[in-house]
Amino acid sequence: MYIDTSKQCYRALDFSRHTIFNFIKMAFSRKFREHNRERKEAKVKGGKGGDKFQNGGTLVVTAGGHDVLLRWKQDRLDDHVPVETLLETLGIENAVPEEAVAAQREMEQTVCKI
């Protein structure tokens, strides 16, 4: 994992920033409130640091960084690269039980869609 506090890589990779309007829209969504309630019930605490407006992504490169295997850019606040895409990119097969994949898909269709 690489964290770029100067944000040079974010700019070079075209990882834009959210606006305050994205956050306002998200905060009033039913899905966000449901997700927040479930998070609190599970006693999961979110990180308080960092730039909350910065979009991120996932970049997988070969050893030495010569070839990009996966470049995935976050479009929305609730975006994340699907686990099966990441595993496929890394050449890992059958590492996640089908029940876990089905549970992730269900979560993406319910809780994570803000």
PDB file of N, CA and C in Angstrom:
ATOM      1  N   MET A   1       0.844  -1.158   0.000  1.00  0.00           N
ATOM      2  CA  MET A   1       0.000   0.000   0.000  1.00  0.00           C
ATOM      3  C   MET A   1       0.897   1.231   0.000  1.00  0.00           C
ATOM      4  N   TYR A   2       0.518   2.200  -0.826  1.00  0.00           N
ATOM      5  CA  TYR A   2       1.259   3.451  -0.921  1.00  0.00           C
ATOM      6  C   TYR A   2       0.316   4.597  -0.608  1.00  0.00           C
ATOM      7  N   ILE A   3       0.698   5.451   0.304  1.00  0.00           N
ATOM      8  CA  ILE A   3      -0.117   6.614   0.655  1.00  0.00           C
ATOM      9  C   ILE A   3       0.647   7.854   0.235  1.00  0.00           C
ATOM     10  N   ASP A   4       0.022   8.649  -0.611  1.00  0.00           N
ATOM     11  CA  ASP A   4       0.657   9.822  -1.203  1.00  0.00           C
ATOM     12  C   ASP A   4       0.127  11.084  -0.532  1.00  0.00           C
ATOM     13  N   THR A   5       0.801  11.535   0.526  1.00  0.00           N
ATOM     14  CA  THR A   5       0.313  12.706   1.255  1.00  0.00           C
ATOM     15  C   THR A   5       0.449  13.999   0.452  1.00  0.00           C
ATOM     16  N   SER A   6       1.354  14.042  -0.518  1.00  0.00           N
ATOM     17  CA  SER A   6       1.497  15.245  -1.346  1.00  0.00           C
ATOM     18  C   SER A   6       0.497  15.265  -2.494  1.00  0.00           C
ATOM     19  N   LYS A   7      -0.158  14.149  -2.744  1.00  0.00           N
ATOM     20  CA  LYS A   7      -1.200  13.986  -3.765  1.00  0.00           C
ATOM     21  C   LYS A   7      -0.689  14.127  -5.194  1.00  0.00           C
ATOM     22  N   GLN A   8       0.603  13.999  -5.404  1.00  0.00           N
ATOM     23  CA  GLN A   8       1.140  14.045  -6.762  1.00  0.00           C
ATOM     24  C   GLN A   8       0.641  12.867  -7.586  1.00  0.00           C
ATOM     25  N   CYS A   9       0.627  11.690  -6.987  1.00  0.00           N
ATOM     26  CA  CYS A   9       0.157  10.503  -7.715  1.00  0.00           C
ATOM     27  C   CYS A   9      -1.339  10.588  -7.992  1.00  0.00           C
ATOM     28  N   TYR A  10      -2.102  11.104  -7.043  1.00  0.00           N
ATOM     29  CA  TYR A  10      -3.541  11.263  -7.261  1.00  0.00           C
ATOM     30  C   TYR A  10      -3.801  12.119  -8.493  1.00  0.00           C
ATOM     31  N   ARG A  11      -3.068  13.213  -8.594  1.00  0.00           N
ATOM     32  CA  ARG A  11      -3.238  14.110  -9.752  1.00  0.00           C
ATOM     33  C   ARG A  11      -2.795  13.422 -11.039  1.00  0.00           C
ATOM     34  N   ALA A  12      -1.663  12.742 -11.002  1.00  0.00           N
ATOM     35  CA  ALA A  12      -1.142  12.063 -12.191  1.00  0.00           C
ATOM     36  C   ALA A  12      -2.090  10.956 -12.661  1.00  0.00           C
ATOM     37  N   LEU A  13      -2.766  10.306 -11.723  1.00  0.00           N
ATOM     38  CA  LEU A  13      -3.701   9.225 -12.059  1.00  0.00           C
ATOM     39  C   LEU A  13      -5.117   9.735 -12.320  1.00  0.00           C
ATOM     40  N   ASP A  14      -5.309  11.040 -12.226  1.00  0.00           N
ATOM     41  CA  ASP A  14      -6.605  11.675 -12.451  1.00  0.00           C
ATOM     42  C   ASP A  14      -7.651  11.218 -11.434  1.00  0.00           C
ATOM     43  N   PHE A  15      -7.228  11.043 -10.187  1.00  0.00           N
ATOM     44  CA  PHE A  15      -8.146  10.727  -9.099  1.00  0.00           C
ATOM     45  C   PHE A  15      -8.650  12.066  -8.558  1.00  0.00           C
ATOM     46  N   SER A  16      -9.843  12.430  -8.947  1.00  0.00           N
ATOM     47  CA  SER A  16     -10.389  13.737  -8.603  1.00  0.00           C
ATOM     48  C   SER A  16     -10.865  13.777  -7.154  1.00  0.00           C
ATOM     49  N   ARG A  17     -11.393  14.914  -6.772  1.00  0.00           N
ATOM     50  CA  ARG A  17     -11.920  15.096  -5.430  1.00  0.00           C
ATOM     51  C   ARG A  17     -13.436  15.257  -5.497  1.00  0.00           C
ATOM     52  N   HIS A  18     -14.110  14.805  -4.443  1.00  0.00           N
ATOM     53  CA  HIS A  18     -15.545  15.013  -4.315  1.00  0.00           C
ATOM     54  C   HIS A  18     -15.804  16.470  -3.961  1.00  0.00           C
ATOM     55  N   THR A  19     -17.037  16.869  -4.137  1.00  0.00           N
ATOM     56  CA  THR A  19     -17.442  18.198  -3.701  1.00  0.00           C
ATOM     57  C   THR A  19     -18.304  18.062  -2.451  1.00  0.00           C
ATOM     58  N   ILE A  20     -18.549  19.152  -1.791  1.00  0.00           N
ATOM     59  CA  ILE A  20     -19.408  19.140  -0.612  1.00  0.00           C
ATOM     60  C   ILE A  20     -20.816  18.675  -0.988  1.00  0.00           C
ATOM     61  N   PHE A  21     -21.228  18.924  -2.224  1.00  0.00           N
ATOM     62  CA  PHE A  21     -22.553  18.508  -2.671  1.00  0.00           C
ATOM     63  C   PHE A  21     -22.673  16.991  -2.736  1.00  0.00           C
ATOM     64  N   ASN A  22     -21.577  16.291  -3.077  1.00  0.00           N
ATOM     65  CA  ASN A  22     -21.588  14.827  -3.058  1.00  0.00           C
ATOM     66  C   ASN A  22     -21.880  14.323  -1.645  1.00  0.00           C
ATOM     67  N   PHE A  23     -21.241  14.954  -0.661  1.00  0.00           N
ATOM     68  CA  PHE A  23     -21.430  14.540   0.724  1.00  0.00           C
ATOM     69  C   PHE A  23     -22.842  14.843   1.219  1.00  0.00           C
ATOM     70  N   ILE A  24     -23.357  15.994   0.858  1.00  0.00           N
ATOM     71  CA  ILE A  24     -24.718  16.343   1.274  1.00  0.00           C
ATOM     72  C   ILE A  24     -25.716  15.362   0.680  1.00  0.00           C
ATOM     73  N   LYS A  25     -25.571  15.086  -0.595  1.00  0.00           N
ATOM     74  CA  LYS A  25     -26.462  14.136  -1.260  1.00  0.00           C
ATOM     75  C   LYS A  25     -26.367  12.765  -0.584  1.00  0.00           C
ATOM     76  N   MET A  26     -25.163  12.327  -0.291  1.00  0.00           N
ATOM     77  CA  MET A  26     -24.960  11.036   0.344  1.00  0.00           C
ATOM     78  C   MET A  26     -25.581  11.005   1.737  1.00  0.00           C
ATOM     79  N   ALA A  27     -25.390  12.065   2.523  1.00  0.00           N
ATOM     80  CA  ALA A  27     -25.859  12.089   3.903  1.00  0.00           C
ATOM     81  C   ALA A  27     -27.374  11.993   4.012  1.00  0.00           C
ATOM     82  N   PHE A  28     -28.087  12.434   2.983  1.00  0.00           N
ATOM     83  CA  PHE A  28     -29.545  12.381   3.016  1.00  0.00           C
ATOM     84  C   PHE A  28     -30.116  11.122   2.379  1.00  0.00           C
ATOM     85  N   SER A  29     -29.260  10.246   1.886  1.00  0.00           N
ATOM     86  CA  SER A  29     -29.772   9.040   1.227  1.00  0.00           C
ATOM     87  C   SER A  29     -30.163   7.987   2.266  1.00  0.00           C
ATOM     88  N   ARG A  30     -31.190   7.251   1.969  1.00  0.00           N
ATOM     89  CA  ARG A  30     -31.668   6.184   2.848  1.00  0.00           C
ATOM     90  C   ARG A  30     -30.603   5.114   3.013  1.00  0.00           C
ATOM     91  N   LYS A  31     -29.920   4.772   1.928  1.00  0.00           N
ATOM     92  CA  LYS A  31     -28.898   3.723   1.976  1.00  0.00           C
ATOM     93  C   LYS A  31     -27.763   4.104   2.925  1.00  0.00           C
ATOM     94  N   PHE A  32     -27.368   5.367   2.899  1.00  0.00           N
ATOM     95  CA  PHE A  32     -26.288   5.814   3.784  1.00  0.00           C
ATOM     96  C   PHE A  32     -26.720   5.686   5.239  1.00  0.00           C
ATOM     97  N   ARG A  33     -27.939   6.107   5.537  1.00  0.00           N
ATOM     98  CA  ARG A  33     -28.422   6.022   6.915  1.00  0.00           C
ATOM     99  C   ARG A  33     -28.493   4.567   7.375  1.00  0.00           C
ATOM    100  N   GLU A  34     -28.926   3.661   6.487  1.00  0.00           N
ATOM    101  CA  GLU A  34     -28.976   2.238   6.833  1.00  0.00           C
ATOM    102  C   GLU A  34     -27.567   1.703   7.103  1.00  0.00           C
ATOM    103  N   HIS A  35     -26.645   2.043   6.217  1.00  0.00           N
ATOM    104  CA  HIS A  35     -25.267   1.582   6.365  1.00  0.00           C
ATOM    105  C   HIS A  35     -24.665   2.140   7.656  1.00  0.00           C
ATOM    106  N   ASN A  36     -24.912   3.393   7.948  1.00  0.00           N
ATOM    107  CA  ASN A  36     -24.387   4.029   9.154  1.00  0.00           C
ATOM    108  C   ASN A  36     -24.964   3.365  10.407  1.00  0.00           C
ATOM    109  N   ARG A  37     -26.264   3.062  10.379  1.00  0.00           N
ATOM    110  CA  ARG A  37     -26.900   2.383  11.522  1.00  0.00           C
ATOM    111  C   ARG A  37     -26.264   1.010  11.735  1.00  0.00           C
ATOM    112  N   GLU A  38     -26.078   0.238  10.648  1.00  0.00           N
ATOM    113  CA  GLU A  38     -25.475  -1.091  10.759  1.00  0.00           C
ATOM    114  C   GLU A  38     -24.035  -0.999  11.262  1.00  0.00           C
ATOM    115  N   ARG A  39     -23.321   0.011  10.791  1.00  0.00           N
ATOM    116  CA  ARG A  39     -21.937   0.201  11.221  1.00  0.00           C
ATOM    117  C   ARG A  39     -21.888   0.471  12.724  1.00  0.00           C
ATOM    118  N   LYS A  40     -22.790   1.331  13.205  1.00  0.00           N
ATOM    119  CA  LYS A  40     -22.817   1.660  14.634  1.00  0.00           C
ATOM    120  C   LYS A  40     -23.214   0.449  15.473  1.00  0.00           C
ATOM    121  N   GLU A  41     -24.199  -0.325  14.995  1.00  0.00           N
ATOM    122  CA  GLU A  41     -24.616  -1.519  15.726  1.00  0.00           C
ATOM    123  C   GLU A  41     -23.483  -2.532  15.830  1.00  0.00           C
ATOM    124  N   ALA A  42     -22.649  -2.617  14.788  1.00  0.00           N
ATOM    125  CA  ALA A  42     -21.519  -3.536  14.786  1.00  0.00           C
ATOM    126  C   ALA A  42     -20.303  -2.949  15.500  1.00  0.00           C
ATOM    127  N   LYS A  43     -20.450  -1.718  15.977  1.00  0.00           N
ATOM    128  CA  LYS A  43     -19.373  -1.008  16.680  1.00  0.00           C
ATOM    129  C   LYS A  43     -18.114  -0.874  15.824  1.00  0.00           C
ATOM    130  N   VAL A  44     -18.323  -0.595  14.533  1.00  0.00           N
ATOM    131  CA  VAL A  44     -17.218  -0.359  13.610  1.00  0.00           C
ATOM    132  C   VAL A  44     -16.996   1.147  13.543  1.00  0.00           C
ATOM    133  N   LYS A  45     -15.774   1.552  13.835  1.00  0.00           N
ATOM    134  CA  LYS A  45     -15.455   2.975  13.816  1.00  0.00           C
ATOM    135  C   LYS A  45     -14.702   3.304  12.541  1.00  0.00           C
ATOM    136  N   GLY A  46     -15.062   4.417  11.934  1.00  0.00           N
ATOM    137  CA  GLY A  46     -14.386   4.853  10.720  1.00  0.00           C
ATOM    138  C   GLY A  46     -13.166   5.683  11.049  1.00  0.00           C
ATOM    139  N   GLY A  47     -12.271   5.793  10.068  1.00  0.00           N
ATOM    140  CA  GLY A  47     -11.078   6.615  10.236  1.00  0.00           C
ATOM    141  C   GLY A  47     -11.451   8.092  10.211  1.00  0.00           C
ATOM    142  N   LYS A  48     -10.833   8.862  11.040  1.00  0.00           N
ATOM    143  CA  LYS A  48     -11.130  10.292  11.131  1.00  0.00           C
ATOM    144  C   LYS A  48     -10.116  11.133  10.379  1.00  0.00           C
ATOM    145  N   GLY A  49      -9.029  10.539   9.933  1.00  0.00           N
ATOM    146  CA  GLY A  49      -7.967  11.307   9.301  1.00  0.00           C
ATOM    147  C   GLY A  49      -8.086  11.320   7.790  1.00  0.00           C
ATOM    148  N   GLY A  50      -7.198  12.054   7.181  1.00  0.00           N
ATOM    149  CA  GLY A  50      -7.116  12.074   5.733  1.00  0.00           C
ATOM    150  C   GLY A  50      -8.066  13.059   5.086  1.00  0.00           C
ATOM    151  N   ASP A  51      -7.987  13.136   3.791  1.00  0.00           N
ATOM    152  CA  ASP A  51      -8.812  14.033   2.985  1.00  0.00           C
ATOM    153  C   ASP A  51     -10.094  13.307   2.606  1.00  0.00           C
ATOM    154  N   LYS A  52     -11.184  13.640   3.248  1.00  0.00           N
ATOM    155  CA  LYS A  52     -12.447  12.948   3.015  1.00  0.00           C
ATOM    156  C   LYS A  52     -13.057  13.272   1.652  1.00  0.00           C
ATOM    157  N   PHE A  53     -12.525  14.264   0.963  1.00  0.00           N
ATOM    158  CA  PHE A  53     -13.033  14.633  -0.350  1.00  0.00           C
ATOM    159  C   PHE A  53     -12.268  13.949  -1.482  1.00  0.00           C
ATOM    160  N   GLN A  54     -11.168  13.284  -1.173  1.00  0.00           N
ATOM    161  CA  GLN A  54     -10.317  12.701  -2.208  1.00  0.00           C
ATOM    162  C   GLN A  54     -10.861  11.366  -2.696  1.00  0.00           C
ATOM    163  N   ASN A  55     -11.069  11.269  -4.011  1.00  0.00           N
ATOM    164  CA  ASN A  55     -11.382   9.977  -4.624  1.00  0.00           C
ATOM    165  C   ASN A  55     -10.122   9.139  -4.644  1.00  0.00           C
ATOM    166  N   GLY A  56     -10.294   7.874  -4.557  1.00  0.00           N
ATOM    167  CA  GLY A  56      -9.156   6.967  -4.601  1.00  0.00           C
ATOM    168  C   GLY A  56      -9.307   5.960  -5.718  1.00  0.00           C
ATOM    169  N   GLY A  57      -8.630   4.873  -5.562  1.00  0.00           N
ATOM    170  CA  GLY A  57      -8.693   3.819  -6.555  1.00  0.00           C
ATOM    171  C   GLY A  57      -7.754   2.701  -6.174  1.00  0.00           C
ATOM    172  N   THR A  58      -7.617   1.771  -7.088  1.00  0.00           N
ATOM    173  CA  THR A  58      -6.726   0.640  -6.887  1.00  0.00           C
ATOM    174  C   THR A  58      -5.835   0.530  -8.103  1.00  0.00           C
ATOM    175  N   LEU A  59      -4.561   0.440  -7.870  1.00  0.00           N
ATOM    176  CA  LEU A  59      -3.586   0.304  -8.935  1.00  0.00           C
ATOM    177  C   LEU A  59      -2.740  -0.915  -8.614  1.00  0.00           C
ATOM    178  N   VAL A  60      -2.769  -1.909  -9.494  1.00  0.00           N
ATOM    179  CA  VAL A  60      -1.962  -3.114  -9.322  1.00  0.00           C
ATOM    180  C   VAL A  60      -0.937  -3.126 -10.442  1.00  0.00           C
ATOM    181  N   VAL A  61       0.329  -3.206 -10.066  1.00  0.00           N
ATOM    182  CA  VAL A  61       1.414  -3.213 -11.051  1.00  0.00           C
ATOM    183  C   VAL A  61       2.273  -4.459 -10.869  1.00  0.00           C
ATOM    184  N   THR A  62       3.015  -4.787 -11.910  1.00  0.00           N
ATOM    185  CA  THR A  62       3.926  -5.927 -11.835  1.00  0.00           C
ATOM    186  C   THR A  62       5.111  -5.565 -10.940  1.00  0.00           C
ATOM    187  N   ALA A  63       5.859  -6.572 -10.556  1.00  0.00           N
ATOM    188  CA  ALA A  63       7.070  -6.328  -9.764  1.00  0.00           C
ATOM    189  C   ALA A  63       7.957  -5.362 -10.532  1.00  0.00           C
ATOM    190  N   GLY A  64       8.444  -4.361  -9.864  1.00  0.00           N
ATOM    191  CA  GLY A  64       9.251  -3.343 -10.515  1.00  0.00           C
ATOM    192  C   GLY A  64       8.422  -2.194 -11.065  1.00  0.00           C
ATOM    193  N   GLY A  65       7.096  -2.371 -11.110  1.00  0.00           N
ATOM    194  CA  GLY A  65       6.196  -1.312 -11.534  1.00  0.00           C
ATOM    195  C   GLY A  65       6.199  -0.999 -13.020  1.00  0.00           C
ATOM    196  N   HIS A  66       6.644  -1.954 -13.842  1.00  0.00           N
ATOM    197  CA  HIS A  66       6.749  -1.679 -15.280  1.00  0.00           C
ATOM    198  C   HIS A  66       5.412  -1.778 -16.014  1.00  0.00           C
ATOM    199  N   ASP A  67       4.559  -2.701 -15.608  1.00  0.00           N
ATOM    200  CA  ASP A  67       3.272  -2.894 -16.291  1.00  0.00           C
ATOM    201  C   ASP A  67       2.127  -2.726 -15.306  1.00  0.00           C
ATOM    202  N   VAL A  68       1.078  -2.056 -15.766  1.00  0.00           N
ATOM    203  CA  VAL A  68      -0.124  -1.884 -14.955  1.00  0.00           C
ATOM    204  C   VAL A  68      -1.061  -3.053 -15.246  1.00  0.00           C
ATOM    205  N   LEU A  69      -1.390  -3.811 -14.212  1.00  0.00           N
ATOM    206  CA  LEU A  69      -2.301  -4.943 -14.357  1.00  0.00           C
ATOM    207  C   LEU A  69      -3.752  -4.527 -14.151  1.00  0.00           C
ATOM    208  N   LEU A  70      -3.970  -3.567 -13.279  1.00  0.00           N
ATOM    209  CA  LEU A  70      -5.322  -3.092 -12.994  1.00  0.00           C
ATOM    210  C   LEU A  70      -5.248  -1.632 -12.604  1.00  0.00           C
ATOM    211  N   ARG A  71      -6.080  -0.838 -13.250  1.00  0.00           N
ATOM    212  CA  ARG A  71      -6.236   0.570 -12.866  1.00  0.00           C
ATOM    213  C   ARG A  71      -7.720   0.784 -12.667  1.00  0.00           C
ATOM    214  N   TRP A  72      -8.126   0.916 -11.430  1.00  0.00           N
ATOM    215  CA  TRP A  72      -9.541   1.081 -11.102  1.00  0.00           C
ATOM    216  C   TRP A  72      -9.706   2.397 -10.358  1.00  0.00           C
ATOM    217  N   LYS A  73     -10.605   3.223 -10.832  1.00  0.00           N
ATOM    218  CA  LYS A  73     -10.801   4.560 -10.276  1.00  0.00           C
ATOM    219  C   LYS A  73     -12.171   4.653  -9.605  1.00  0.00           C
ATOM    220  N   GLN A  74     -12.193   5.184  -8.402  1.00  0.00           N
ATOM    221  CA  GLN A  74     -13.436   5.382  -7.663  1.00  0.00           C
ATOM    222  C   GLN A  74     -14.229   6.504  -8.331  1.00  0.00           C
ATOM    223  N   ASP A  75     -15.483   6.214  -8.682  1.00  0.00           N
ATOM    224  CA  ASP A  75     -16.346   7.225  -9.286  1.00  0.00           C
ATOM    225  C   ASP A  75     -17.280   7.867  -8.265  1.00  0.00           C
ATOM    226  N   ARG A  76     -17.746   7.065  -7.313  1.00  0.00           N
ATOM    227  CA  ARG A  76     -18.686   7.552  -6.306  1.00  0.00           C
ATOM    228  C   ARG A  76     -18.112   7.282  -4.925  1.00  0.00           C
ATOM    229  N   LEU A  77     -18.712   7.884  -3.929  1.00  0.00           N
ATOM    230  CA  LEU A  77     -18.247   7.714  -2.560  1.00  0.00           C
ATOM    231  C   LEU A  77     -18.315   6.263  -2.090  1.00  0.00           C
ATOM    232  N   ASP A  78     -19.254   5.500  -2.643  1.00  0.00           N
ATOM    233  CA  ASP A  78     -19.440   4.127  -2.185  1.00  0.00           C
ATOM    234  C   ASP A  78     -18.773   3.110  -3.097  1.00  0.00           C
ATOM    235  N   ASP A  79     -17.953   3.551  -4.025  1.00  0.00           N
ATOM    236  CA  ASP A  79     -17.295   2.646  -4.961  1.00  0.00           C
ATOM    237  C   ASP A  79     -16.132   1.897  -4.326  1.00  0.00           C
ATOM    238  N   HIS A  80     -15.928   0.681  -4.783  1.00  0.00           N
ATOM    239  CA  HIS A  80     -14.742  -0.091  -4.449  1.00  0.00           C
ATOM    240  C   HIS A  80     -14.560  -1.146  -5.530  1.00  0.00           C
ATOM    241  N   VAL A  81     -13.333  -1.558  -5.739  1.00  0.00           N
ATOM    242  CA  VAL A  81     -13.061  -2.571  -6.753  1.00  0.00           C
ATOM    243  C   VAL A  81     -13.636  -3.901  -6.259  1.00  0.00           C
ATOM    244  N   PRO A  82     -14.384  -4.606  -7.118  1.00  0.00           N
ATOM    245  CA  PRO A  82     -14.919  -5.909  -6.692  1.00  0.00           C
ATOM    246  C   PRO A  82     -13.789  -6.889  -6.351  1.00  0.00           C
ATOM    247  N   VAL A  83     -13.984  -7.656  -5.305  1.00  0.00           N
ATOM    248  CA  VAL A  83     -12.970  -8.614  -4.857  1.00  0.00           C
ATOM    249  C   VAL A  83     -12.611  -9.579  -5.977  1.00  0.00           C
ATOM    250  N   GLU A  84     -13.621 -10.071  -6.711  1.00  0.00           N
ATOM    251  CA  GLU A  84     -13.313 -11.045  -7.759  1.00  0.00           C
ATOM    252  C   GLU A  84     -12.466 -10.430  -8.875  1.00  0.00           C
ATOM    253  N   THR A  85     -12.642  -9.137  -9.155  1.00  0.00           N
ATOM    254  CA  THR A  85     -11.806  -8.461 -10.150  1.00  0.00           C
ATOM    255  C   THR A  85     -10.362  -8.390  -9.681  1.00  0.00           C
ATOM    256  N   LEU A  86     -10.170  -8.050  -8.433  1.00  0.00           N
ATOM    257  CA  LEU A  86      -8.824  -7.967  -7.876  1.00  0.00           C
ATOM    258  C   LEU A  86      -8.148  -9.336  -7.875  1.00  0.00           C
ATOM    259  N   LEU A  87      -8.861 -10.353  -7.440  1.00  0.00           N
ATOM    260  CA  LEU A  87      -8.287 -11.698  -7.410  1.00  0.00           C
ATOM    261  C   LEU A  87      -7.963 -12.197  -8.816  1.00  0.00           C
ATOM    262  N   GLU A  88      -8.860 -11.938  -9.760  1.00  0.00           N
ATOM    263  CA  GLU A  88      -8.622 -12.340 -11.146  1.00  0.00           C
ATOM    264  C   GLU A  88      -7.375 -11.644 -11.704  1.00  0.00           C
ATOM    265  N   THR A  89      -7.228 -10.376 -11.412  1.00  0.00           N
ATOM    266  CA  THR A  89      -6.058  -9.609 -11.856  1.00  0.00           C
ATOM    267  C   THR A  89      -4.772 -10.211 -11.311  1.00  0.00           C
ATOM    268  N   LEU A  90      -4.822 -10.674 -10.082  1.00  0.00           N
ATOM    269  CA  LEU A  90      -3.647 -11.249  -9.435  1.00  0.00           C
ATOM    270  C   LEU A  90      -3.449 -12.722  -9.784  1.00  0.00           C
ATOM    271  N   GLY A  91      -4.368 -13.277 -10.571  1.00  0.00           N
ATOM    272  CA  GLY A  91      -4.249 -14.681 -10.971  1.00  0.00           C
ATOM    273  C   GLY A  91      -4.607 -15.654  -9.875  1.00  0.00           C
ATOM    274  N   ILE A  92      -5.427 -15.215  -8.944  1.00  0.00           N
ATOM    275  CA  ILE A  92      -5.845 -16.069  -7.831  1.00  0.00           C
ATOM    276  C   ILE A  92      -7.239 -16.592  -8.137  1.00  0.00           C
ATOM    277  N   GLU A  93      -7.348 -17.912  -8.256  1.00  0.00           N
ATOM    278  CA  GLU A  93      -8.634 -18.519  -8.601  1.00  0.00           C
ATOM    279  C   GLU A  93      -9.204 -19.280  -7.406  1.00  0.00           C
ATOM    280  N   ASN A  94     -10.517 -19.246  -7.300  1.00  0.00           N
ATOM    281  CA  ASN A  94     -11.243 -20.009  -6.284  1.00  0.00           C
ATOM    282  C   ASN A  94     -10.771 -19.712  -4.863  1.00  0.00           C
ATOM    283  N   ALA A  95     -10.294 -18.491  -4.628  1.00  0.00           N
ATOM    284  CA  ALA A  95      -9.812 -18.132  -3.295  1.00  0.00           C
ATOM    285  C   ALA A  95     -10.944 -17.697  -2.376  1.00  0.00           C
ATOM    286  N   VAL A  96     -12.051 -17.268  -2.962  1.00  0.00           N
ATOM    287  CA  VAL A  96     -13.170 -16.783  -2.166  1.00  0.00           C
ATOM    288  C   VAL A  96     -14.354 -17.728  -2.379  1.00  0.00           C
ATOM    289  N   PRO A  97     -14.910 -18.266  -1.294  1.00  0.00           N
ATOM    290  CA  PRO A  97     -16.068 -19.148  -1.444  1.00  0.00           C
ATOM    291  C   PRO A  97     -17.230 -18.417  -2.122  1.00  0.00           C
ATOM    292  N   GLU A  98     -18.012 -19.136  -2.899  1.00  0.00           N
ATOM    293  CA  GLU A  98     -19.130 -18.539  -3.636  1.00  0.00           C
ATOM    294  C   GLU A  98     -20.109 -17.837  -2.696  1.00  0.00           C
ATOM    295  N   GLU A  99     -20.266 -18.349  -1.473  1.00  0.00           N
ATOM    296  CA  GLU A  99     -21.159 -17.701  -0.514  1.00  0.00           C
ATOM    297  C   GLU A  99     -20.664 -16.292  -0.182  1.00  0.00           C
ATOM    298  N   ALA A 100     -19.357 -16.124  -0.073  1.00  0.00           N
ATOM    299  CA  ALA A 100     -18.797 -14.812   0.237  1.00  0.00           C
ATOM    300  C   ALA A 100     -18.982 -13.854  -0.931  1.00  0.00           C
ATOM    301  N   VAL A 101     -18.812 -14.357  -2.154  1.00  0.00           N
ATOM    302  CA  VAL A 101     -19.012 -13.527  -3.342  1.00  0.00           C
ATOM    303  C   VAL A 101     -20.473 -13.111  -3.428  1.00  0.00           C
ATOM    304  N   ALA A 102     -21.390 -14.059  -3.173  1.00  0.00           N
ATOM    305  CA  ALA A 102     -22.818 -13.744  -3.202  1.00  0.00           C
ATOM    306  C   ALA A 102     -23.169 -12.724  -2.126  1.00  0.00           C
ATOM    307  N   ALA A 103     -22.580 -12.860  -0.944  1.00  0.00           N
ATOM    308  CA  ALA A 103     -22.841 -11.904   0.140  1.00  0.00           C
ATOM    309  C   ALA A 103     -22.335 -10.515  -0.226  1.00  0.00           C
ATOM    310  N   GLN A 104     -21.173 -10.442  -0.884  1.00  0.00           N
ATOM    311  CA  GLN A 104     -20.654  -9.138  -1.289  1.00  0.00           C
ATOM    312  C   GLN A 104     -21.566  -8.505  -2.327  1.00  0.00           C
ATOM    313  N   ARG A 105     -22.027  -9.296  -3.294  1.00  0.00           N
ATOM    314  CA  ARG A 105     -22.933  -8.757  -4.315  1.00  0.00           C
ATOM    315  C   ARG A 105     -24.211  -8.227  -3.684  1.00  0.00           C
ATOM    316  N   GLU A 106     -24.750  -8.974  -2.722  1.00  0.00           N
ATOM    317  CA  GLU A 106     -25.968  -8.529  -2.038  1.00  0.00           C
ATOM    318  C   GLU A 106     -25.714  -7.228  -1.288  1.00  0.00           C
ATOM    319  N   MET A 107     -24.570  -7.139  -0.609  1.00  0.00           N
ATOM    320  CA  MET A 107     -24.226  -5.927   0.121  1.00  0.00           C
ATOM    321  C   MET A 107     -24.099  -4.745  -0.843  1.00  0.00           C
ATOM    322  N   GLU A 108     -23.451  -4.969  -1.987  1.00  0.00           N
ATOM    323  CA  GLU A 108     -23.282  -3.894  -2.962  1.00  0.00           C
ATOM    324  C   GLU A 108     -24.624  -3.403  -3.491  1.00  0.00           C
ATOM    325  N   GLN A 109     -25.592  -4.298  -3.608  1.00  0.00           N
ATOM    326  CA  GLN A 109     -26.900  -3.920  -4.139  1.00  0.00           C
ATOM    327  C   GLN A 109     -27.797  -3.289  -3.096  1.00  0.00           C
ATOM    328  N   THR A 110     -27.458  -3.469  -1.829  1.00  0.00           N
ATOM    329  CA  THR A 110     -28.326  -2.924  -0.785  1.00  0.00           C
ATOM    330  C   THR A 110     -27.631  -1.814  -0.003  1.00  0.00           C
ATOM    331  N   VAL A 111     -26.674  -2.193   0.817  1.00  0.00           N
ATOM    332  CA  VAL A 111     -26.064  -1.261   1.760  1.00  0.00           C
ATOM    333  C   VAL A 111     -25.171  -0.232   1.085  1.00  0.00           C
ATOM    334  N   CYS A 112     -24.343  -0.649   0.134  1.00  0.00           N
ATOM    335  CA  CYS A 112     -23.311   0.234  -0.399  1.00  0.00           C
ATOM    336  C   CYS A 112     -23.794   1.188  -1.468  1.00  0.00           C
ATOM    337  N   LYS A 113     -24.938   0.988  -2.028  1.00  0.00           N
ATOM    338  CA  LYS A 113     -25.396   1.888  -3.089  1.00  0.00           C
ATOM    339  C   LYS A 113     -26.064   3.106  -2.472  1.00  0.00           C
ATOM    340  N   ILE A 114     -25.335   4.180  -2.437  1.00  0.00           N
ATOM    341  CA  ILE A 114     -25.803   5.417  -1.807  1.00  0.00           C
ATOM    342  C   ILE A 114     -26.320   6.339  -2.887  1.00  0.00           C
TER     343      ILE A 114
END
